[in-house]
């Protein structure tokens, strides 16, 4: 992964969890070969901030675990939205039942 992996600064590239884990694995190899973090980030085509965020979020995960985590986070967000909608509807129905409409 050389220059091809670098992203256009004006256009953020979304990476799948599997891609992130693969890039972190490559980063580990490059770091063990003596490259510094800045050089590794250039090789991966990401900023150091992105690299550190990925490291914190996906550090010890395998690709399939990272995908599962993202799927669960997405499902959790959906369920939270559904619960919030249900709570609003419930509150509105209570107001209607009290005659405060």
C-alpha atoms as a PDB file:
ATOM      1  CA  UNK A   1       0.000   0.000   0.000  1.00  0.00           C
ATOM      2  CA  UNK A   2       1.752   3.095  -1.101  1.00  0.00           C
ATOM      3  CA  UNK A   3       0.470   6.284  -2.604  1.00  0.00           C
ATOM      4  CA  UNK A   4      -2.583   4.464  -3.938  1.00  0.00           C
ATOM      5  CA  UNK A   5      -3.913   3.989  -0.396  1.00  0.00           C
ATOM      6  CA  UNK A   6      -3.780   7.689   0.350  1.00  0.00           C
ATOM      7  CA  UNK A   7      -7.116   9.395   0.378  1.00  0.00           C
ATOM      8  CA  UNK A   8      -8.064  12.745  -1.074  1.00  0.00           C
ATOM      9  CA  UNK A   9      -8.157  15.272   1.779  1.00  0.00           C
ATOM     10  CA  UNK A  10     -11.404  16.784   0.519  1.00  0.00           C
ATOM     11  CA  UNK A  11     -13.106  13.435   0.220  1.00  0.00           C
ATOM     12  CA  UNK A  12     -13.317  11.263   3.329  1.00  0.00           C
ATOM     13  CA  UNK A  13     -13.137   7.583   2.550  1.00  0.00           C
ATOM     14  CA  UNK A  14     -15.276   5.276   4.674  1.00  0.00           C
ATOM     15  CA  UNK A  15     -13.504   2.112   5.746  1.00  0.00           C
ATOM     16  CA  UNK A  16     -15.290  -1.075   6.731  1.00  0.00           C
ATOM     17  CA  UNK A  17     -14.372  -2.586  10.098  1.00  0.00           C
ATOM     18  CA  UNK A  18     -12.562  -5.379   8.262  1.00  0.00           C
ATOM     19  CA  UNK A  19     -10.494  -2.875   6.266  1.00  0.00           C
ATOM     20  CA  UNK A  20      -9.604  -1.022   9.451  1.00  0.00           C
ATOM     21  CA  UNK A  21      -8.443  -4.190  11.198  1.00  0.00           C
ATOM     22  CA  UNK A  22      -6.373  -5.151   8.136  1.00  0.00           C
ATOM     23  CA  UNK A  23      -4.773  -1.696   8.085  1.00  0.00           C
ATOM     24  CA  UNK A  24      -4.045  -1.903  11.815  1.00  0.00           C
ATOM     25  CA  UNK A  25      -2.423  -5.310  11.275  1.00  0.00           C
ATOM     26  CA  UNK A  26      -0.271  -3.810   8.522  1.00  0.00           C
ATOM     27  CA  UNK A  27       0.541  -0.881  10.821  1.00  0.00           C
ATOM     28  CA  UNK A  28       1.722  -3.308  13.519  1.00  0.00           C
ATOM     29  CA  UNK A  29       4.020  -4.993  11.016  1.00  0.00           C
ATOM     30  CA  UNK A  30       5.428  -1.691   9.750  1.00  0.00           C
ATOM     31  CA  UNK A  31       5.967  -0.407  13.291  1.00  0.00           C
ATOM     32  CA  UNK A  32       7.762  -3.639  14.221  1.00  0.00           C
ATOM     33  CA  UNK A  33      10.032  -3.076  11.199  1.00  0.00           C
ATOM     34  CA  UNK A  34      11.088   0.239  12.723  1.00  0.00           C
ATOM     35  CA  UNK A  35       8.889   2.748  10.899  1.00  0.00           C
ATOM     36  CA  UNK A  36       7.547   5.605  12.988  1.00  0.00           C
ATOM     37  CA  UNK A  37       3.836   6.314  13.389  1.00  0.00           C
ATOM     38  CA  UNK A  38       3.855   9.252  10.958  1.00  0.00           C
ATOM     39  CA  UNK A  39       5.421   7.109   8.214  1.00  0.00           C
ATOM     40  CA  UNK A  40       2.980   4.276   8.894  1.00  0.00           C
ATOM     41  CA  UNK A  41       0.024   6.664   8.663  1.00  0.00           C
ATOM     42  CA  UNK A  42       1.287   7.987   5.340  1.00  0.00           C
ATOM     43  CA  UNK A  43       1.617   4.404   4.105  1.00  0.00           C
ATOM     44  CA  UNK A  44      -1.955   3.634   5.225  1.00  0.00           C
ATOM     45  CA  UNK A  45      -3.299   6.883   3.778  1.00  0.00           C
ATOM     46  CA  UNK A  46      -4.848   8.077   7.044  1.00  0.00           C
ATOM     47  CA  UNK A  47      -4.164  10.864   9.517  1.00  0.00           C
ATOM     48  CA  UNK A  48      -2.496  10.129  12.833  1.00  0.00           C
ATOM     49  CA  UNK A  49      -5.732  11.115  14.585  1.00  0.00           C
ATOM     50  CA  UNK A  50      -7.645   8.529  12.550  1.00  0.00           C
ATOM     51  CA  UNK A  51      -4.980   5.912  13.236  1.00  0.00           C
ATOM     52  CA  UNK A  52      -5.187   6.505  17.014  1.00  0.00           C
ATOM     53  CA  UNK A  53      -8.997   6.508  16.958  1.00  0.00           C
ATOM     54  CA  UNK A  54      -8.963   3.196  15.097  1.00  0.00           C
ATOM     55  CA  UNK A  55      -6.380   1.796  17.497  1.00  0.00           C
ATOM     56  CA  UNK A  56      -8.580   2.728  20.480  1.00  0.00           C
ATOM     57  CA  UNK A  57     -11.727   1.408  18.854  1.00  0.00           C
ATOM     58  CA  UNK A  58     -10.485  -1.743  17.106  1.00  0.00           C
ATOM     59  CA  UNK A  59      -7.096  -2.389  18.741  1.00  0.00           C
ATOM     60  CA  UNK A  60      -7.252  -6.066  19.664  1.00  0.00           C
ATOM     61  CA  UNK A  61     -10.068  -7.198  17.415  1.00  0.00           C
ATOM     62  CA  UNK A  62     -10.018  -9.611  14.523  1.00  0.00           C
ATOM     63  CA  UNK A  63     -11.769  -8.544  11.319  1.00  0.00           C
ATOM     64  CA  UNK A  64     -14.889 -10.641  11.979  1.00  0.00           C
ATOM     65  CA  UNK A  65     -15.098  -9.302  15.561  1.00  0.00           C
ATOM     66  CA  UNK A  66     -14.855  -5.723  14.310  1.00  0.00           C
ATOM     67  CA  UNK A  67     -17.694  -6.296  11.848  1.00  0.00           C
ATOM     68  CA  UNK A  68     -19.836  -7.854  14.572  1.00  0.00           C
ATOM     69  CA  UNK A  69     -19.112  -4.901  16.884  1.00  0.00           C
ATOM     70  CA  UNK A  70     -20.161  -2.402  14.206  1.00  0.00           C
ATOM     71  CA  UNK A  71     -23.322  -4.406  13.468  1.00  0.00           C
ATOM     72  CA  UNK A  72     -24.221  -4.458  17.170  1.00  0.00           C
ATOM     73  CA  UNK A  73     -23.548  -0.723  17.523  1.00  0.00           C
ATOM     74  CA  UNK A  74     -25.806  -0.028  14.539  1.00  0.00           C
ATOM     75  CA  UNK A  75     -28.543  -2.295  15.924  1.00  0.00           C
ATOM     76  CA  UNK A  76     -28.246  -0.641  19.345  1.00  0.00           C
ATOM     77  CA  UNK A  77     -28.646   2.830  17.823  1.00  0.00           C
ATOM     78  CA  UNK A  78     -31.740   1.676  15.915  1.00  0.00           C
ATOM     79  CA  UNK A  79     -33.275   0.183  19.048  1.00  0.00           C
ATOM     80  CA  UNK A  80     -32.587   3.382  21.004  1.00  0.00           C
ATOM     81  CA  UNK A  81     -34.358   5.430  18.319  1.00  0.00           C
ATOM     82  CA  UNK A  82     -37.334   3.049  18.362  1.00  0.00           C
ATOM     83  CA  UNK A  83     -37.527   3.263  22.152  1.00  0.00           C
ATOM     84  CA  UNK A  84     -37.407   7.066  22.068  1.00  0.00           C
ATOM     85  CA  UNK A  85     -40.216   7.114  19.485  1.00  0.00           C
ATOM     86  CA  UNK A  86     -42.302   4.720  21.603  1.00  0.00           C
ATOM     87  CA  UNK A  87     -41.732   6.845  24.724  1.00  0.00           C
ATOM     88  CA  UNK A  88     -42.856   9.989  22.874  1.00  0.00           C
ATOM     89  CA  UNK A  89     -45.946   8.219  21.586  1.00  0.00           C
ATOM     90  CA  UNK A  90     -46.720   6.916  25.074  1.00  0.00           C
ATOM     91  CA  UNK A  91     -46.397  10.422  26.558  1.00  0.00           C
ATOM     92  CA  UNK A  92     -48.692  11.832  23.852  1.00  0.00           C
ATOM     93  CA  UNK A  93     -51.304   9.135  24.514  1.00  0.00           C
ATOM     94  CA  UNK A  94     -51.183   9.909  28.253  1.00  0.00           C
ATOM     95  CA  UNK A  95     -51.830  13.584  27.502  1.00  0.00           C
ATOM     96  CA  UNK A  96     -54.757  12.666  25.254  1.00  0.00           C
ATOM     97  CA  UNK A  97     -56.167  10.314  27.921  1.00  0.00           C
ATOM     98  CA  UNK A  98     -56.019  13.157  30.482  1.00  0.00           C
ATOM     99  CA  UNK A  99     -57.842  15.424  28.066  1.00  0.00           C
ATOM    100  CA  UNK A 100     -54.903  17.837  27.751  1.00  0.00           C
ATOM    101  CA  UNK A 101     -54.816  18.104  23.998  1.00  0.00           C
END
